[in-house]
C-alpha cells in the first residue's frame, strides 16, 4: 500500500510529543495542568438554554455558510470591534473554529505559482501548527520567520530578501501572538499591509486572542487596512468564541474579508466543509452579540496578569504578556525544564521547541516553556509559585 509523502516529514504534534516526554515518569506532586490553552472560566449560563430552545434544528442540515442570524451577528461584531462595515451576505462566513478557516483559506486562495515559481507562505516562528500544514497541503514552501525578543516577539517580514517576497503568496500573522502575548501595533500592521500591497500577497490575520488583554484593545488588521485604503482582498480576518467567550467546544469561528475571498472559501466549504449544527449556530449568534460576559472574562485574566507579574517579579528575562493567556518563560532548555518540573513538582508545561521549527541551537522556542494561565486563579497562582521555586530559585 502506497502512502503520500507530502506529510512524511511532519514532526509529531506538540501534545503527543509532550506525553512521550512526560508520561513514563511519575509526577512529583499534585498535578497542575498548564499546557493547553483550553479556557476554564465559565461561559454565559444562558447558552445552554438557547441550544435547548433550538434543539429541533438538530434534525436538519445546517446552512453551510452560517444562518442569516449568525452572519449578521458576525458583521455586527466586526463593525463594533474593528470599525469596518461588512455585508453579511458577501464578506463573512461562519467557521467550525478558526483552525478550519486558517487551513481552508490557504487551500482556496494560494495560487499554484507566484511569479512563475513555487509560492512561499510566510509563518511566524513559533507558530500555530496549522499554518505549516496548510502550506504543505497546497504545495507551497512554508517559510519560517523567527519572532524573538529582538523583533518584539513578532516576525519581521519587512526584512526578508526580495527573492522570497517575490514568491510570497500568503503571510500568516497571529496578534496577539501565541505563545508570546505580543501585540501588533498600528505601525506594524501598516508596514505589513504596505509590504503586501507592494509584493501582492495576502495577509491571514489570526486574531483569536484579541479580546483578552491588559489595558487597550489590540488594533486589528482590518482597521488598519481600511485606514490605508488597501485592496479589500488584501487582509482576511479569523476569530472565534473559543477564547473570547470560553466556548472552545462550541466551535464558532468567523472569517471576514473581501467579497471574492469569501466567495472562493465558501465554494470550497460547500464541497468539504462541516458547518455547525443549527442549534449551535443559534447560540453562537447570541454570544457574538453580547459583550457583558466578555468584559467579565477579560477582568479575570487581568487579575491573572497581576498575579504572574507578582510571582515573577525579579526573574531575569520575564516578559509580561501584553495579551492572551500564556506566559513565555525563558529557561536553559525547554524539554529538560518541562521534565524537571513534572518529576519534581507535578506541574505540567509545554516546551517551547514543540511550537517552533529549527535545528538544535537554531530553534527560537528551544529556551522557553509555554505556560497556560487558564486554571482558576488560586490553582494558577499555586502552579506559578511552584514553577518559580523549582526552576528560578
Foldseek 3Di string as FASTA:
>chain_A
DDDDDLCVPPDDAQPVVQCVLAVVFAFQAPADEFADQQFDDDFDPCLVVLLVVVVVLLVDDADLQFDLLLLVLVQVLCCVQAVDHDDSVFFKGKALAQLVVLLLLLVLFFDCFFPNHAAEEEAEFLGDVSSCVSCSVSRHHYDYFYQAVVNQSWGDPVPDDPVNLSRYAEYEGEAVDPPAQGGQALVNLLVVLVSCQVNVHAYEYEHAFQLAFQPDGGHDNVNSCVVVVGDQQRYKYKYACCLQRSCNVLSIMMIGTGRVSVVRSSVVCVVPNDDGRPSSSSSSSVVSNDCPSSVVSNVQQNVLLVLLCVLCPPQPPFDRRRTDFKGKAFAQFQSVLQNQNRNNPNYHWTQQQSSGDDDVVGRNRGGTIITGQNDHNVSSSVSSNSSCVRGPD
